[in-house]
Amino acid sequence: MISFRRIAPALTGALFVTALATGATGWVTGTAPLTDAGMLGFLAAVPLMYWVLITRTHELTDEQLNAATKQGYIKALDHVGQGLVHVPRPPSPGQCETCGRHESPADVISLDEHRRAAPHITEENRAVP
């Protein structure tokens, strides 16, 4: 059995062309009922046309799905390859990258000079590694 989705584009196209021809014939001959029938057919065909176009844009073919999958794999391999090739340098502690001297940059606060003994940690409650 043929579903409505398969015959809807042809049916909608035929209704649209027939309604347009009927309305144009009625307009040229000056026949009001023929023009009204053409307008009614046209108004019936437009929502069907929208439905056909919307359902067609939401359908994927197998070729489109395979192409999207292949493109995704290629992009993933490219990202992995760039990650392996362009490994950033590990930061060198205590050396300024911009000036090259062995001093900390101005926006880095050294914690060594601010450490204090915690008064709440004693030998009894200290975690043993």
N, C-alpha and C. Protein backbone atom coordinates (compact mmCIF):
# COMPACT_ATOMS: atom_id res chain seq x y z
N MET A 1 0.84 -1.18 0.00
CA MET A 1 0.00 0.00 0.00
C MET A 1 0.89 1.25 0.00
N ILE A 2 0.54 2.20 -0.81
CA ILE A 2 1.32 3.43 -0.93
C ILE A 2 0.85 4.39 0.16
N SER A 3 1.81 4.94 0.90
CA SER A 3 1.45 5.87 1.97
C SER A 3 1.20 7.27 1.40
N PHE A 4 0.54 8.07 2.19
CA PHE A 4 0.21 9.42 1.76
C PHE A 4 1.47 10.27 1.57
N ARG A 5 2.50 9.97 2.36
CA ARG A 5 3.75 10.75 2.24
C ARG A 5 4.39 10.59 0.87
N ARG A 6 4.19 9.43 0.25
CA ARG A 6 4.80 9.19 -1.05
C ARG A 6 4.04 9.87 -2.18
N ILE A 7 2.72 9.95 -2.07
CA ILE A 7 1.94 10.55 -3.17
C ILE A 7 1.60 12.01 -2.92
N ALA A 8 1.88 12.51 -1.72
CA ALA A 8 1.52 13.91 -1.39
C ALA A 8 2.22 14.93 -2.28
N PRO A 9 3.50 14.80 -2.63
CA PRO A 9 4.09 15.82 -3.51
C PRO A 9 3.43 15.89 -4.88
N ALA A 10 3.16 14.75 -5.47
CA ALA A 10 2.51 14.75 -6.78
C ALA A 10 1.08 15.28 -6.68
N LEU A 11 0.36 14.86 -5.65
CA LEU A 11 -1.02 15.32 -5.46
C LEU A 11 -1.07 16.83 -5.21
N THR A 12 -0.16 17.32 -4.42
CA THR A 12 -0.12 18.76 -4.13
C THR A 12 0.24 19.56 -5.37
N GLY A 13 1.22 19.08 -6.13
CA GLY A 13 1.59 19.77 -7.37
C GLY A 13 0.46 19.80 -8.37
N ALA A 14 -0.24 18.66 -8.52
CA ALA A 14 -1.37 18.61 -9.46
C ALA A 14 -2.49 19.53 -9.00
N LEU A 15 -2.79 19.55 -7.71
CA LEU A 15 -3.84 20.43 -7.20
C LEU A 15 -3.48 21.89 -7.39
N PHE A 16 -2.21 22.23 -7.17
CA PHE A 16 -1.76 23.61 -7.32
C PHE A 16 -1.88 24.07 -8.77
N VAL A 17 -1.39 23.24 -9.70
CA VAL A 17 -1.42 23.62 -11.12
C VAL A 17 -2.86 23.69 -11.62
N THR A 18 -3.70 22.73 -11.22
CA THR A 18 -5.11 22.73 -11.63
C THR A 18 -5.83 23.96 -11.09
N ALA A 19 -5.61 24.28 -9.82
CA ALA A 19 -6.26 25.44 -9.22
C ALA A 19 -5.79 26.73 -9.88
N LEU A 20 -4.50 26.80 -10.20
CA LEU A 20 -3.97 28.00 -10.85
C LEU A 20 -4.56 28.15 -12.25
N ALA A 21 -4.66 27.04 -12.97
CA ALA A 21 -5.24 27.11 -14.33
C ALA A 21 -6.73 27.46 -14.27
N THR A 22 -7.43 26.87 -13.31
CA THR A 22 -8.86 27.16 -13.18
C THR A 22 -9.09 28.62 -12.80
N GLY A 23 -8.34 29.12 -11.86
CA GLY A 23 -8.48 30.52 -11.45
C GLY A 23 -8.12 31.48 -12.55
N ALA A 24 -7.06 31.16 -13.31
CA ALA A 24 -6.66 32.04 -14.42
C ALA A 24 -7.70 32.03 -15.53
N THR A 25 -8.26 30.85 -15.79
CA THR A 25 -9.31 30.77 -16.81
C THR A 25 -10.54 31.56 -16.39
N GLY A 26 -10.93 31.43 -15.14
CA GLY A 26 -12.07 32.20 -14.64
C GLY A 26 -11.81 33.68 -14.65
N TRP A 27 -10.60 34.10 -14.40
CA TRP A 27 -10.28 35.53 -14.39
C TRP A 27 -10.28 36.09 -15.81
N VAL A 28 -9.74 35.30 -16.76
CA VAL A 28 -9.68 35.77 -18.14
C VAL A 28 -11.08 35.84 -18.75
N THR A 29 -11.91 34.84 -18.47
CA THR A 29 -13.26 34.82 -19.06
C THR A 29 -14.26 35.65 -18.27
N GLY A 30 -13.91 36.05 -17.08
CA GLY A 30 -14.81 36.87 -16.28
C GLY A 30 -15.86 36.04 -15.57
N THR A 31 -15.62 34.77 -15.39
CA THR A 31 -16.56 33.89 -14.71
C THR A 31 -16.20 33.84 -13.24
N ALA A 32 -17.06 34.40 -12.40
CA ALA A 32 -16.77 34.48 -10.97
C ALA A 32 -16.74 33.11 -10.28
N PRO A 33 -17.67 32.17 -10.58
CA PRO A 33 -17.60 30.87 -9.90
C PRO A 33 -16.32 30.09 -10.25
N LEU A 34 -15.85 30.22 -11.48
CA LEU A 34 -14.61 29.54 -11.87
C LEU A 34 -13.41 30.16 -11.16
N THR A 35 -13.39 31.47 -11.04
CA THR A 35 -12.32 32.14 -10.30
C THR A 35 -12.35 31.75 -8.83
N ASP A 36 -13.55 31.69 -8.27
CA ASP A 36 -13.68 31.29 -6.86
C ASP A 36 -13.22 29.85 -6.64
N ALA A 37 -13.53 28.96 -7.57
CA ALA A 37 -13.09 27.56 -7.46
C ALA A 37 -11.57 27.48 -7.54
N GLY A 38 -10.97 28.29 -8.41
CA GLY A 38 -9.51 28.32 -8.52
C GLY A 38 -8.86 28.84 -7.25
N MET A 39 -9.45 29.86 -6.65
CA MET A 39 -8.92 30.41 -5.40
C MET A 39 -9.06 29.41 -4.26
N LEU A 40 -10.20 28.70 -4.23
CA LEU A 40 -10.40 27.70 -3.19
C LEU A 40 -9.38 26.56 -3.33
N GLY A 41 -9.16 26.12 -4.56
CA GLY A 41 -8.15 25.08 -4.79
C GLY A 41 -6.75 25.56 -4.43
N PHE A 42 -6.46 26.80 -4.77
CA PHE A 42 -5.16 27.37 -4.42
C PHE A 42 -4.97 27.44 -2.91
N LEU A 43 -6.02 27.88 -2.19
CA LEU A 43 -5.92 27.97 -0.73
C LEU A 43 -5.82 26.58 -0.10
N ALA A 44 -6.34 25.56 -0.75
CA ALA A 44 -6.21 24.20 -0.24
C ALA A 44 -4.82 23.64 -0.54
N ALA A 45 -4.21 24.07 -1.63
CA ALA A 45 -2.91 23.53 -2.04
C ALA A 45 -1.75 24.14 -1.26
N VAL A 46 -1.85 25.36 -0.83
CA VAL A 46 -0.73 26.03 -0.16
C VAL A 46 -0.35 25.36 1.17
N PRO A 47 -1.29 25.03 2.07
CA PRO A 47 -0.86 24.33 3.29
C PRO A 47 -0.26 22.95 3.01
N LEU A 48 -0.81 22.26 2.01
CA LEU A 48 -0.23 20.97 1.64
C LEU A 48 1.19 21.14 1.11
N MET A 49 1.41 22.21 0.36
CA MET A 49 2.75 22.48 -0.16
C MET A 49 3.74 22.72 0.98
N TYR A 50 3.31 23.50 1.96
CA TYR A 50 4.17 23.73 3.13
C TYR A 50 4.48 22.42 3.84
N TRP A 51 3.48 21.57 4.02
CA TRP A 51 3.67 20.30 4.70
C TRP A 51 4.65 19.42 3.93
N VAL A 52 4.50 19.37 2.60
CA VAL A 52 5.40 18.55 1.77
C VAL A 52 6.83 19.07 1.87
N LEU A 53 7.01 20.38 1.80
CA LEU A 53 8.36 20.95 1.85
C LEU A 53 9.00 20.74 3.22
N ILE A 54 8.23 20.89 4.28
CA ILE A 54 8.78 20.70 5.63
C ILE A 54 9.15 19.25 5.87
N THR A 55 8.29 18.30 5.46
CA THR A 55 8.63 16.89 5.66
C THR A 55 9.81 16.48 4.79
N ARG A 56 9.95 17.07 3.62
CA ARG A 56 11.09 16.74 2.76
C ARG A 56 12.40 17.23 3.37
N THR A 57 12.39 18.38 4.03
CA THR A 57 13.63 18.88 4.62
C THR A 57 14.03 18.08 5.85
N HIS A 58 13.07 17.38 6.48
CA HIS A 58 13.40 16.61 7.68
C HIS A 58 13.83 15.18 7.38
N GLU A 59 13.76 14.77 6.14
CA GLU A 59 14.16 13.43 5.77
C GLU A 59 15.61 13.41 5.32
N LEU A 60 16.32 12.39 5.76
CA LEU A 60 17.71 12.19 5.35
C LEU A 60 17.79 10.99 4.44
N THR A 61 18.60 11.10 3.43
CA THR A 61 18.85 9.93 2.61
C THR A 61 20.04 9.17 3.18
N ASP A 62 20.22 7.94 2.74
CA ASP A 62 21.35 7.15 3.21
C ASP A 62 22.68 7.78 2.80
N GLU A 63 22.72 8.37 1.61
CA GLU A 63 23.96 9.01 1.15
C GLU A 63 24.32 10.21 2.04
N GLN A 64 23.32 11.00 2.41
CA GLN A 64 23.58 12.16 3.27
C GLN A 64 24.05 11.71 4.65
N LEU A 65 23.46 10.64 5.17
CA LEU A 65 23.85 10.13 6.48
C LEU A 65 25.27 9.58 6.44
N ASN A 66 25.62 8.84 5.39
CA ASN A 66 26.98 8.32 5.25
C ASN A 66 28.00 9.45 5.09
N ALA A 67 27.64 10.48 4.32
CA ALA A 67 28.56 11.61 4.14
C ALA A 67 28.77 12.35 5.46
N ALA A 68 27.71 12.53 6.25
CA ALA A 68 27.85 13.22 7.54
C ALA A 68 28.70 12.39 8.50
N THR A 69 28.52 11.07 8.49
CA THR A 69 29.31 10.20 9.36
C THR A 69 30.78 10.25 8.97
N LYS A 70 31.05 10.18 7.67
CA LYS A 70 32.44 10.23 7.19
C LYS A 70 33.09 11.57 7.53
N GLN A 71 32.33 12.64 7.36
CA GLN A 71 32.86 13.97 7.68
C GLN A 71 33.15 14.09 9.18
N GLY A 72 32.30 13.49 10.01
CA GLY A 72 32.54 13.51 11.46
C GLY A 72 33.79 12.75 11.84
N TYR A 73 34.00 11.58 11.23
CA TYR A 73 35.21 10.81 11.51
C TYR A 73 36.46 11.57 11.08
N ILE A 74 36.40 12.21 9.91
CA ILE A 74 37.55 12.97 9.44
C ILE A 74 37.85 14.13 10.38
N LYS A 75 36.80 14.80 10.84
CA LYS A 75 37.00 15.93 11.77
C LYS A 75 37.57 15.44 13.09
N ALA A 76 37.08 14.30 13.59
CA ALA A 76 37.60 13.77 14.85
C ALA A 76 39.06 13.37 14.72
N LEU A 77 39.42 12.73 13.62
CA LEU A 77 40.83 12.37 13.41
C LEU A 77 41.71 13.60 13.28
N ASP A 78 41.19 14.65 12.65
CA ASP A 78 41.94 15.89 12.53
C ASP A 78 42.18 16.52 13.91
N HIS A 79 41.16 16.50 14.76
CA HIS A 79 41.32 17.06 16.11
C HIS A 79 42.32 16.25 16.91
N VAL A 80 42.25 14.92 16.80
CA VAL A 80 43.20 14.08 17.53
C VAL A 80 44.61 14.32 17.01
N GLY A 81 44.75 14.41 15.70
CA GLY A 81 46.07 14.65 15.12
C GLY A 81 46.65 15.98 15.55
N GLN A 82 45.84 17.00 15.59
CA GLN A 82 46.34 18.31 16.02
C GLN A 82 46.71 18.29 17.50
N GLY A 83 45.97 17.53 18.28
CA GLY A 83 46.28 17.45 19.70
C GLY A 83 47.59 16.73 19.95
N LEU A 84 47.90 15.73 19.13
CA LEU A 84 49.15 15.00 19.31
C LEU A 84 50.34 15.76 18.75
N VAL A 85 50.13 16.52 17.68
CA VAL A 85 51.24 17.23 17.05
C VAL A 85 51.57 18.51 17.81
N HIS A 86 50.58 19.25 18.22
CA HIS A 86 50.80 20.55 18.85
C HIS A 86 50.64 20.44 20.37
N VAL A 87 51.53 19.74 20.99
CA VAL A 87 51.48 19.60 22.45
C VAL A 87 52.09 20.87 23.04
N PRO A 88 51.36 21.55 23.92
CA PRO A 88 51.92 22.77 24.51
C PRO A 88 53.07 22.43 25.46
N ARG A 89 54.00 23.37 25.56
CA ARG A 89 55.13 23.19 26.47
C ARG A 89 54.65 23.23 27.90
N PRO A 90 55.18 22.37 28.73
CA PRO A 90 54.81 22.46 30.14
C PRO A 90 55.40 23.73 30.75
N PRO A 91 54.70 24.35 31.67
CA PRO A 91 55.23 25.58 32.26
C PRO A 91 56.46 25.27 33.12
N SER A 92 57.41 26.16 33.05
CA SER A 92 58.61 25.99 33.86
C SER A 92 58.43 26.84 35.12
N PRO A 93 58.38 26.22 36.27
CA PRO A 93 58.18 27.00 37.49
C PRO A 93 59.37 27.89 37.79
N GLY A 94 59.07 29.10 38.13
CA GLY A 94 60.11 30.03 38.54
C GLY A 94 60.76 30.77 37.41
N GLN A 95 60.35 30.56 36.19
CA GLN A 95 60.97 31.28 35.09
C GLN A 95 59.91 32.05 34.33
N CYS A 96 60.16 33.30 34.12
CA CYS A 96 59.23 34.17 33.41
C CYS A 96 59.32 33.86 31.92
N GLU A 97 58.19 33.59 31.27
CA GLU A 97 58.17 33.25 29.86
C GLU A 97 58.51 34.47 29.00
N THR A 98 58.04 35.63 29.39
CA THR A 98 58.23 36.80 28.55
C THR A 98 59.62 37.40 28.69
N CYS A 99 60.16 37.40 29.90
CA CYS A 99 61.45 38.06 30.08
C CYS A 99 62.61 37.08 30.07
N GLY A 100 62.38 35.79 30.32
CA GLY A 100 63.44 34.80 30.25
C GLY A 100 64.33 34.74 31.48
N ARG A 101 64.08 35.54 32.49
CA ARG A 101 64.90 35.51 33.70
C ARG A 101 64.32 34.52 34.68
N HIS A 102 65.07 34.15 35.66
CA HIS A 102 64.62 33.21 36.67
C HIS A 102 63.91 33.95 37.79
N GLU A 103 62.77 34.52 37.46
CA GLU A 103 61.96 35.16 38.47
C GLU A 103 60.51 34.93 38.11
N SER A 104 59.67 34.96 39.11
CA SER A 104 58.24 34.72 38.88
C SER A 104 57.61 35.92 38.20
N PRO A 105 56.62 35.70 37.35
CA PRO A 105 55.91 36.82 36.76
C PRO A 105 55.19 37.62 37.84
N ALA A 106 54.78 38.82 37.50
CA ALA A 106 54.18 39.72 38.49
C ALA A 106 52.81 39.24 38.94
N ASP A 107 52.11 38.46 38.15
CA ASP A 107 50.77 38.07 38.53
C ASP A 107 50.73 36.73 39.28
N VAL A 108 51.88 36.16 39.61
CA VAL A 108 51.94 34.89 40.33
C VAL A 108 52.35 35.17 41.77
N ILE A 109 51.59 34.65 42.71
CA ILE A 109 51.90 34.83 44.13
C ILE A 109 52.50 33.52 44.63
N SER A 110 53.66 33.61 45.18
CA SER A 110 54.32 32.43 45.71
C SER A 110 53.71 32.08 47.06
N LEU A 111 53.38 30.81 47.25
CA LEU A 111 52.76 30.39 48.49
C LEU A 111 53.80 30.03 49.56
N ASP A 112 55.04 29.86 49.16
CA ASP A 112 56.06 29.46 50.13
C ASP A 112 56.26 30.50 51.22
N GLU A 113 56.22 31.76 50.89
CA GLU A 113 56.46 32.79 51.89
C GLU A 113 55.22 33.08 52.74
N HIS A 114 54.05 32.59 52.34
CA HIS A 114 52.82 32.83 53.09
C HIS A 114 52.38 31.62 53.92
N ARG A 115 53.10 30.53 53.86
CA ARG A 115 52.69 29.33 54.60
C ARG A 115 52.94 29.53 56.09
N ARG A 116 51.98 29.08 56.83
CA ARG A 116 52.11 29.11 58.28
C ARG A 116 51.72 27.74 58.79
N ALA A 117 52.18 27.43 59.95
CA ALA A 117 51.80 26.16 60.54
C ALA A 117 50.35 26.25 60.98
N ALA A 118 49.58 25.26 60.62
CA ALA A 118 48.17 25.24 61.00
C ALA A 118 48.07 24.84 62.46
N PRO A 119 47.43 25.67 63.31
CA PRO A 119 47.39 25.36 64.73
C PRO A 119 46.46 24.20 65.05
N HIS A 120 45.50 23.89 64.17
CA HIS A 120 44.55 22.84 64.47
C HIS A 120 45.07 21.45 64.10
N ILE A 121 46.19 21.38 63.39
CA ILE A 121 46.74 20.07 63.01
C ILE A 121 47.82 19.69 64.04
N THR A 122 47.62 18.60 64.68
CA THR A 122 48.60 18.09 65.64
C THR A 122 49.04 16.71 65.19
N GLU A 123 49.95 16.13 65.91
CA GLU A 123 50.46 14.81 65.55
C GLU A 123 49.37 13.73 65.70
N GLU A 124 48.42 13.92 66.61
CA GLU A 124 47.38 12.91 66.80
C GLU A 124 46.39 12.88 65.64
N ASN A 125 46.01 14.06 65.10
CA ASN A 125 44.99 14.08 64.06
C ASN A 125 45.56 14.24 62.65
N ARG A 126 46.85 14.14 62.51
CA ARG A 126 47.48 14.26 61.19
C ARG A 126 47.27 12.97 60.41
N ALA A 127 46.93 13.07 59.16
CA ALA A 127 46.72 11.87 58.32
C ALA A 127 48.08 11.27 57.98
N VAL A 128 48.16 10.01 58.12
CA VAL A 128 49.41 9.31 57.81
C VAL A 128 49.33 8.85 56.35
N PRO A 129 50.31 9.23 55.53
CA PRO A 129 50.25 8.82 54.11
C PRO A 129 50.57 7.36 53.92
